[in-house]
C-alpha atoms as a PDB file:
ATOM      1  CA  MET A   1      22.745 -26.367  24.974  1.00  0.00           C
ATOM      2  CA  GLN A   2      24.129 -28.610  27.706  1.00  0.00           C
ATOM      3  CA  THR A   3      27.587 -27.881  29.024  1.00  0.00           C
ATOM      4  CA  GLN A   4      29.844 -30.174  30.954  1.00  0.00           C
ATOM      5  CA  GLN A   5      33.239 -29.758  32.615  1.00  0.00           C
ATOM      6  CA  THR A   6      35.312 -32.198  34.675  1.00  0.00           C
ATOM      7  CA  VAL A   7      38.018 -31.534  37.292  1.00  0.00           C
ATOM      8  CA  ALA A   8      39.634 -33.906  39.816  1.00  0.00           C
ATOM      9  CA  GLY A   9      36.818 -36.452  39.913  1.00  0.00           C
ATOM     10  CA  TYR A  10      34.074 -33.819  39.927  1.00  0.00           C
ATOM     11  CA  GLU A  11      31.860 -32.725  37.089  1.00  0.00           C
ATOM     12  CA  ILE A  12      29.602 -29.734  36.457  1.00  0.00           C
ATOM     13  CA  SER A  13      26.789 -30.177  33.968  1.00  0.00           C
ATOM     14  CA  THR A  14      23.718 -28.264  32.819  1.00  0.00           C
ATOM     15  CA  ASP A  15      21.992 -31.503  31.786  1.00  0.00           C
ATOM     16  CA  ALA A  16      18.643 -31.193  33.591  1.00  0.00           C
ATOM     17  CA  GLY A  17      18.104 -34.948  33.270  1.00  0.00           C
ATOM     18  CA  ARG A  18      20.952 -35.594  35.701  1.00  0.00           C
ATOM     19  CA  LEU A  19      19.596 -33.447  38.536  1.00  0.00           C
ATOM     20  CA  ASN A  20      18.703 -35.376  41.683  1.00  0.00           C
ATOM     21  CA  LEU A  21      15.571 -33.750  43.084  1.00  0.00           C
ATOM     22  CA  ASP A  22      15.849 -35.734  46.314  1.00  0.00           C
ATOM     23  CA  VAL A  23      19.288 -34.232  47.033  1.00  0.00           C
ATOM     24  CA  ILE A  24      18.235 -30.742  45.971  1.00  0.00           C
ATOM     25  CA  HIS A  25      14.973 -30.742  47.912  1.00  0.00           C
ATOM     26  CA  THR A  26      16.538 -32.203  51.051  1.00  0.00           C
ATOM     27  CA  PHE A  27      19.258 -29.559  51.092  1.00  0.00           C
ATOM     28  CA  LEU A  28      16.924 -26.648  50.383  1.00  0.00           C
ATOM     29  CA  ALA A  29      14.169 -27.744  52.774  1.00  0.00           C
ATOM     30  CA  GLU A  30      16.316 -29.014  55.642  1.00  0.00           C
ATOM     31  CA  GLN A  31      19.777 -27.415  55.457  1.00  0.00           C
ATOM     32  CA  SER A  32      19.522 -24.023  53.740  1.00  0.00           C
ATOM     33  CA  TYR A  33      18.745 -20.833  55.625  1.00  0.00           C
ATOM     34  CA  TRP A  34      16.856 -19.341  52.663  1.00  0.00           C
ATOM     35  CA  SER A  35      14.135 -21.913  52.024  1.00  0.00           C
ATOM     36  CA  PRO A  36      13.438 -24.039  55.105  1.00  0.00           C
ATOM     37  CA  GLY A  37      10.433 -26.263  54.615  1.00  0.00           C
ATOM     38  CA  VAL A  38      10.090 -25.558  50.893  1.00  0.00           C
ATOM     39  CA  PRO A  39       7.713 -28.151  49.396  1.00  0.00           C
ATOM     40  CA  ARG A  40       9.144 -30.571  46.853  1.00  0.00           C
ATOM     41  CA  SER A  41       6.580 -29.438  44.251  1.00  0.00           C
ATOM     42  CA  ILE A  42       7.948 -25.881  44.472  1.00  0.00           C
ATOM     43  CA  VAL A  43      11.533 -27.113  44.055  1.00  0.00           C
ATOM     44  CA  GLU A  44      10.492 -29.206  41.032  1.00  0.00           C
ATOM     45  CA  ARG A  45       8.811 -26.232  39.373  1.00  0.00           C
ATOM     46  CA  ALA A  46      11.764 -23.947  40.094  1.00  0.00           C
ATOM     47  CA  ILE A  47      14.187 -26.474  38.583  1.00  0.00           C
ATOM     48  CA  GLU A  48      12.006 -26.960  35.486  1.00  0.00           C
ATOM     49  CA  ASN A  49      12.000 -23.220  34.804  1.00  0.00           C
ATOM     50  CA  SER A  50      15.673 -22.469  35.425  1.00  0.00           C
ATOM     51  CA  LEU A  51      19.120 -23.029  33.976  1.00  0.00           C
ATOM     52  CA  CYS A  52      20.696 -25.387  36.502  1.00  0.00           C
ATOM     53  CA  PHE A  53      24.323 -26.299  37.058  1.00  0.00           C
ATOM     54  CA  GLY A  54      24.638 -29.620  38.854  1.00  0.00           C
ATOM     55  CA  VAL A  55      27.885 -30.568  40.577  1.00  0.00           C
ATOM     56  CA  TYR A  56      28.590 -34.309  40.624  1.00  0.00           C
ATOM     57  CA  HIS A  57      31.107 -36.650  42.214  1.00  0.00           C
ATOM     58  CA  GLY A  58      30.709 -39.790  40.171  1.00  0.00           C
ATOM     59  CA  ALA A  59      26.973 -40.331  39.856  1.00  0.00           C
ATOM     60  CA  ALA A  60      26.178 -38.483  43.101  1.00  0.00           C
ATOM     61  CA  GLN A  61      24.984 -34.900  42.996  1.00  0.00           C
ATOM     62  CA  VAL A  62      26.922 -32.808  45.528  1.00  0.00           C
ATOM     63  CA  GLY A  63      26.023 -29.242  44.549  1.00  0.00           C
ATOM     64  CA  LEU A  64      23.871 -26.892  42.541  1.00  0.00           C
ATOM     65  CA  ALA A  65      23.538 -23.369  41.205  1.00  0.00           C
ATOM     66  CA  ARG A  66      20.195 -22.346  39.739  1.00  0.00           C
ATOM     67  CA  VAL A  67      19.808 -19.355  37.401  1.00  0.00           C
ATOM     68  CA  VAL A  68      16.477 -17.750  36.555  1.00  0.00           C
ATOM     69  CA  THR A  69      17.003 -15.854  33.311  1.00  0.00           C
ATOM     70  CA  ASP A  70      15.604 -14.557  30.045  1.00  0.00           C
ATOM     71  CA  LYS A  71      19.070 -15.248  28.531  1.00  0.00           C
ATOM     72  CA  SER A  72      19.093 -11.728  27.109  1.00  0.00           C
ATOM     73  CA  THR A  73      19.024  -8.992  29.732  1.00  0.00           C
ATOM     74  CA  PHE A  74      18.575 -10.390  33.242  1.00  0.00           C
ATOM     75  CA  ALA A  75      19.445 -13.300  35.504  1.00  0.00           C
ATOM     76  CA  LEU A  76      19.016 -14.127  39.177  1.00  0.00           C
ATOM     77  CA  LEU A  77      21.422 -16.600  40.733  1.00  0.00           C
ATOM     78  CA  ALA A  78      19.770 -18.752  43.399  1.00  0.00           C
ATOM     79  CA  ASP A  79      20.071 -21.963  45.393  1.00  0.00           C
ATOM     80  CA  VAL A  80      23.857 -22.192  45.271  1.00  0.00           C
ATOM     81  CA  PHE A  81      25.211 -24.969  47.474  1.00  0.00           C
ATOM     82  CA  ILE A  82      27.889 -27.614  47.861  1.00  0.00           C
ATOM     83  CA  LEU A  83      27.109 -30.446  50.268  1.00  0.00           C
ATOM     84  CA  GLU A  84      29.149 -30.300  53.450  1.00  0.00           C
ATOM     85  CA  GLY A  85      31.327 -33.349  52.795  1.00  0.00           C
ATOM     86  CA  HIS A  86      32.574 -31.805  49.540  1.00  0.00           C
ATOM     87  CA  ARG A  87      33.337 -28.286  50.750  1.00  0.00           C
ATOM     88  CA  GLY A  88      36.848 -26.873  50.966  1.00  0.00           C
ATOM     89  CA  LYS A  89      37.903 -28.245  47.565  1.00  0.00           C
ATOM     90  CA  GLY A  90      37.349 -25.130  45.477  1.00  0.00           C
ATOM     91  CA  LEU A  91      34.062 -26.424  44.056  1.00  0.00           C
ATOM     92  CA  SER A  92      32.139 -23.223  44.843  1.00  0.00           C
ATOM     93  CA  LYS A  93      34.640 -21.120  42.925  1.00  0.00           C
ATOM     94  CA  TRP A  94      34.661 -23.543  40.016  1.00  0.00           C
ATOM     95  CA  LEU A  95      30.852 -23.610  40.008  1.00  0.00           C
ATOM     96  CA  MET A  96      30.680 -19.823  39.979  1.00  0.00           C
ATOM     97  CA  ARG A  97      33.218 -19.639  37.149  1.00  0.00           C
ATOM     98  CA  CYS A  98      31.054 -22.044  35.120  1.00  0.00           C
ATOM     99  CA  VAL A  99      27.965 -19.932  35.814  1.00  0.00           C
ATOM    100  CA  VAL A 100      29.433 -16.543  34.909  1.00  0.00           C
ATOM    101  CA  GLU A 101      31.159 -17.936  31.804  1.00  0.00           C
ATOM    102  CA  HIS A 102      28.136 -19.847  30.473  1.00  0.00           C
ATOM    103  CA  GLU A 103      27.271 -18.810  26.933  1.00  0.00           C
ATOM    104  CA  ASP A 104      23.584 -18.162  27.729  1.00  0.00           C
ATOM    105  CA  LEU A 105      24.561 -15.667  30.434  1.00  0.00           C
ATOM    106  CA  GLN A 106      26.844 -13.414  28.407  1.00  0.00           C
ATOM    107  CA  GLY A 107      25.902  -9.807  27.634  1.00  0.00           C
ATOM    108  CA  LEU A 108      23.290  -9.560  30.391  1.00  0.00           C
ATOM    109  CA  ARG A 109      22.521  -6.091  31.674  1.00  0.00           C
ATOM    110  CA  ARG A 110      21.981  -7.338  35.234  1.00  0.00           C
ATOM    111  CA  LEU A 111      22.931 -10.475  37.194  1.00  0.00           C
ATOM    112  CA  LEU A 112      21.589 -10.493  40.746  1.00  0.00           C
ATOM    113  CA  LEU A 113      21.803 -12.709  43.800  1.00  0.00           C
ATOM    114  CA  LEU A 114      20.899 -12.591  47.459  1.00  0.00           C
ATOM    115  CA  THR A 115      23.236 -13.920  50.143  1.00  0.00           C
ATOM    116  CA  SER A 116      23.634 -13.667  53.887  1.00  0.00           C
ATOM    117  CA  ASP A 117      27.010 -15.305  54.245  1.00  0.00           C
ATOM    118  CA  ALA A 118      29.002 -15.704  51.018  1.00  0.00           C
ATOM    119  CA  HIS A 119      29.835 -12.140  50.001  1.00  0.00           C
ATOM    120  CA  GLY A 120      33.546 -12.937  49.718  1.00  0.00           C
ATOM    121  CA  LEU A 121      32.932 -15.727  47.219  1.00  0.00           C
ATOM    122  CA  TYR A 122      30.634 -13.670  45.012  1.00  0.00           C
ATOM    123  CA  ARG A 123      32.847 -10.569  45.043  1.00  0.00           C
ATOM    124  CA  GLN A 124      35.515 -12.659  43.300  1.00  0.00           C
ATOM    125  CA  PHE A 125      33.139 -12.906  40.335  1.00  0.00           C
ATOM    126  CA  GLY A 126      32.229  -9.240  40.054  1.00  0.00           C
ATOM    127  CA  PHE A 127      29.212  -9.062  42.354  1.00  0.00           C
ATOM    128  CA  GLU A 128      28.921  -5.927  44.482  1.00  0.00           C
ATOM    129  CA  ALA A 129      26.416  -4.470  46.917  1.00  0.00           C
ATOM    130  CA  LEU A 130      23.522  -2.763  45.157  1.00  0.00           C
ATOM    131  CA  GLY A 131      24.631   0.616  43.845  1.00  0.00           C
ATOM    132  CA  ASN A 132      21.248   2.172  44.458  1.00  0.00           C
ATOM    133  CA  PRO A 133      19.161  -0.112  46.661  1.00  0.00           C
ATOM    134  CA  SER A 134      16.311   2.402  46.768  1.00  0.00           C
ATOM    135  CA  ARG A 135      15.527   1.472  43.139  1.00  0.00           C
ATOM    136  CA  PHE A 136      14.712  -2.098  44.129  1.00  0.00           C
ATOM    137  CA  MET A 137      11.436  -3.168  45.647  1.00  0.00           C
ATOM    138  CA  GLU A 138      10.288  -6.557  46.839  1.00  0.00           C
ATOM    139  CA  VAL A 139       7.395  -8.566  48.131  1.00  0.00           C
ATOM    140  CA  VAL A 140       8.651 -10.940  50.828  1.00  0.00           C
ATOM    141  CA  ARG A 141       6.583 -13.771  52.266  1.00  0.00           C
ATOM    142  CA  PRO A 142       8.981 -15.473  54.703  1.00  0.00           C
ATOM    143  CA  ASP A 143       6.375 -17.903  56.060  1.00  0.00           C
ATOM    144  CA  ILE A 144       4.844 -18.943  52.733  1.00  0.00           C
ATOM    145  CA  TYR A 145       6.011 -22.574  52.953  1.00  0.00           C
ATOM    146  CA  ARG A 146       4.511 -23.072  56.407  1.00  0.00           C
ATOM    147  CA  SER A 147       1.004 -22.639  55.006  1.00  0.00           C
ATOM    148  CA  ARG A 148       1.411 -25.425  52.426  1.00  0.00           C
END
């Protein structure tokens, strides 16, 4: 089900057909700290397999939150951004409210995210440091996009 909300000239929508892959890829590959150099094909595949919340000002996409989920027990929030010229207007908080209130993300046992710099924002929506980080394991390949 597609959801859509409008506030003060901005709109948030889960309509995948509205997503602007050029905007998303450019931000992720060139401006984000978490996926520098990510190939467009990887971004396209990630978008196709996720629940995405696009933030729009008119027809222009100015933000995104991507959720990887089974819509039953687990979700991982990723690729959250608002383009620089649109920051400071409360869009990040509004975007997060739309994410955590989305009907497909209710009743989940676990909602995770990784961040280096936005702890204050996410705490406002119930996120906390891992209670028992020793339970989590990972495979990290920080240079994977350089080999493509």
